[in-house]
Amino acid sequence: MFANKLRITLADGNREHPVVKSWLDQFFMRNFTGPGGFDDTLVLADGELEAGHTVSRQEVEARLETWLRGRRCIPLTARVIVR
């Protein structure tokens, strides 16, 4: 079920660091109880996520970045990168 191992980082300028595990937990649990798009995910650690084949890397980037900005966790210049 969790065939993809994803690395999720925040890039701001020349710096890049893993997204905090608690942020990932909140985001993916919220989506687990709401929209079904991210049901097949398991947060392992800061910046580490296992996901099923139905989870889109691009959708994770876009939605997580929007969610973090809406909660003012990241500046407008930061980008979420999923590898």
C-alpha atoms as a PDB file:
ATOM      1  CA  MET A   1       0.000   0.000   0.000  1.00  0.00           C
ATOM      2  CA  PHE A   2       2.774   2.507   0.874  1.00  0.00           C
ATOM      3  CA  ALA A   3       4.947   1.956  -2.186  1.00  0.00           C
ATOM      4  CA  ASN A   4       6.325   5.510  -2.519  1.00  0.00           C
ATOM      5  CA  LYS A   5       8.784   7.060  -0.103  1.00  0.00           C
ATOM      6  CA  LEU A   6       8.539  10.835  -0.332  1.00  0.00           C
ATOM      7  CA  ARG A   7      10.879  13.477   1.049  1.00  0.00           C
ATOM      8  CA  ILE A   8       9.110  16.768   1.808  1.00  0.00           C
ATOM      9  CA  THR A   9      11.196  19.894   2.335  1.00  0.00           C
ATOM     10  CA  LEU A  10      10.749  23.648   2.598  1.00  0.00           C
ATOM     11  CA  ALA A  11      12.952  25.787   0.394  1.00  0.00           C
ATOM     12  CA  ASP A  12      13.450  29.471   1.130  1.00  0.00           C
ATOM     13  CA  GLY A  13      16.252  31.197  -0.690  1.00  0.00           C
ATOM     14  CA  ASN A  14      19.356  29.007  -0.603  1.00  0.00           C
ATOM     15  CA  ARG A  15      18.148  27.023   2.427  1.00  0.00           C
ATOM     16  CA  GLU A  16      16.183  23.796   2.375  1.00  0.00           C
ATOM     17  CA  HIS A  17      15.046  21.792   5.402  1.00  0.00           C
ATOM     18  CA  PRO A  18      12.586  18.972   6.151  1.00  0.00           C
ATOM     19  CA  VAL A  19       8.979  19.877   6.947  1.00  0.00           C
ATOM     20  CA  VAL A  20       8.319  19.385  10.663  1.00  0.00           C
ATOM     21  CA  LYS A  21       6.647  16.054  11.471  1.00  0.00           C
ATOM     22  CA  SER A  22       3.895  17.677  13.566  1.00  0.00           C
ATOM     23  CA  TRP A  23       2.882  19.842  10.573  1.00  0.00           C
ATOM     24  CA  LEU A  24       2.775  16.782   8.325  1.00  0.00           C
ATOM     25  CA  ASP A  25       0.772  14.845  10.928  1.00  0.00           C
ATOM     26  CA  GLN A  26      -1.789  17.651  11.211  1.00  0.00           C
ATOM     27  CA  PHE A  27      -2.091  18.118   7.461  1.00  0.00           C
ATOM     28  CA  PHE A  28      -2.438  14.468   6.501  1.00  0.00           C
ATOM     29  CA  MET A  29      -4.716  13.549   9.431  1.00  0.00           C
ATOM     30  CA  ARG A  30      -6.959  16.498   8.546  1.00  0.00           C
ATOM     31  CA  ASN A  31      -7.108  15.242   4.987  1.00  0.00           C
ATOM     32  CA  PHE A  32      -7.644  11.686   6.207  1.00  0.00           C
ATOM     33  CA  THR A  33     -10.814  12.756   8.004  1.00  0.00           C
ATOM     34  CA  GLY A  34     -11.954  15.042   5.181  1.00  0.00           C
ATOM     35  CA  PRO A  35     -11.078  14.666   1.488  1.00  0.00           C
ATOM     36  CA  GLY A  36     -10.053  11.136   0.534  1.00  0.00           C
ATOM     37  CA  GLY A  37      -7.117  12.112  -1.667  1.00  0.00           C
ATOM     38  CA  PHE A  38      -4.464  11.530   0.970  1.00  0.00           C
ATOM     39  CA  ASP A  39      -5.885   8.478   2.743  1.00  0.00           C
ATOM     40  CA  ASP A  40      -2.936   6.334   1.649  1.00  0.00           C
ATOM     41  CA  THR A  41      -0.223   8.182   3.584  1.00  0.00           C
ATOM     42  CA  LEU A  42       1.927   7.514   6.627  1.00  0.00           C
ATOM     43  CA  VAL A  43       4.110  10.220   8.177  1.00  0.00           C
ATOM     44  CA  LEU A  44       7.366   8.714   9.477  1.00  0.00           C
ATOM     45  CA  ALA A  45       9.533  11.642  10.624  1.00  0.00           C
ATOM     46  CA  ASP A  46      10.431  15.226   9.777  1.00  0.00           C
ATOM     47  CA  GLY A  47      10.137  15.454   5.998  1.00  0.00           C
ATOM     48  CA  GLU A  48       9.478  11.724   5.513  1.00  0.00           C
ATOM     49  CA  LEU A  49       6.237  10.287   4.166  1.00  0.00           C
ATOM     50  CA  GLU A  50       5.222   6.948   2.736  1.00  0.00           C
ATOM     51  CA  ALA A  51       2.340   7.054   0.278  1.00  0.00           C
ATOM     52  CA  GLY A  52       0.304   4.842  -2.002  1.00  0.00           C
ATOM     53  CA  HIS A  53       0.307   5.072  -5.787  1.00  0.00           C
ATOM     54  CA  THR A  54      -2.815   7.274  -5.813  1.00  0.00           C
ATOM     55  CA  VAL A  55      -1.069  10.117  -3.953  1.00  0.00           C
ATOM     56  CA  SER A  56       0.171  12.779  -6.375  1.00  0.00           C
ATOM     57  CA  ARG A  57       3.495  14.474  -5.557  1.00  0.00           C
ATOM     58  CA  GLN A  58       2.324  17.662  -7.286  1.00  0.00           C
ATOM     59  CA  GLU A  59      -0.941  17.721  -5.345  1.00  0.00           C
ATOM     60  CA  VAL A  60       0.909  17.239  -2.045  1.00  0.00           C
ATOM     61  CA  GLU A  61       3.211  20.162  -2.906  1.00  0.00           C
ATOM     62  CA  ALA A  62       0.392  22.507  -3.857  1.00  0.00           C
ATOM     63  CA  ARG A  63      -2.046  21.645  -1.071  1.00  0.00           C
ATOM     64  CA  LEU A  64       0.532  21.469   1.726  1.00  0.00           C
ATOM     65  CA  GLU A  65       2.076  24.795   0.692  1.00  0.00           C
ATOM     66  CA  THR A  66      -1.360  26.459   0.631  1.00  0.00           C
ATOM     67  CA  TRP A  67      -2.266  24.918   4.004  1.00  0.00           C
ATOM     68  CA  LEU A  68       0.993  26.036   5.662  1.00  0.00           C
ATOM     69  CA  ARG A  69       0.668  29.573   4.279  1.00  0.00           C
ATOM     70  CA  GLY A  70      -2.941  29.796   5.430  1.00  0.00           C
ATOM     71  CA  ARG A  71      -1.796  29.009   8.969  1.00  0.00           C
ATOM     72  CA  ARG A  72       1.132  31.424   8.640  1.00  0.00           C
ATOM     73  CA  CYS A  73       3.663  28.652   9.314  1.00  0.00           C
ATOM     74  CA  ILE A  74       5.835  29.617   6.342  1.00  0.00           C
ATOM     75  CA  PRO A  75       6.672  32.915   4.629  1.00  0.00           C
ATOM     76  CA  LEU A  76       5.355  33.779   1.179  1.00  0.00           C
ATOM     77  CA  THR A  77       8.809  33.194  -0.282  1.00  0.00           C
ATOM     78  CA  ALA A  78       9.021  29.561   0.892  1.00  0.00           C
ATOM     79  CA  ARG A  79       8.147  26.625  -1.365  1.00  0.00           C
ATOM     80  CA  VAL A  80       7.258  23.044  -0.522  1.00  0.00           C
ATOM     81  CA  ILE A  81       9.274  20.501  -2.505  1.00  0.00           C
ATOM     82  CA  VAL A  82       8.329  16.817  -2.694  1.00  0.00           C
ATOM     83  CA  ARG A  83      10.862  14.305  -4.032  1.00  0.00           C
END
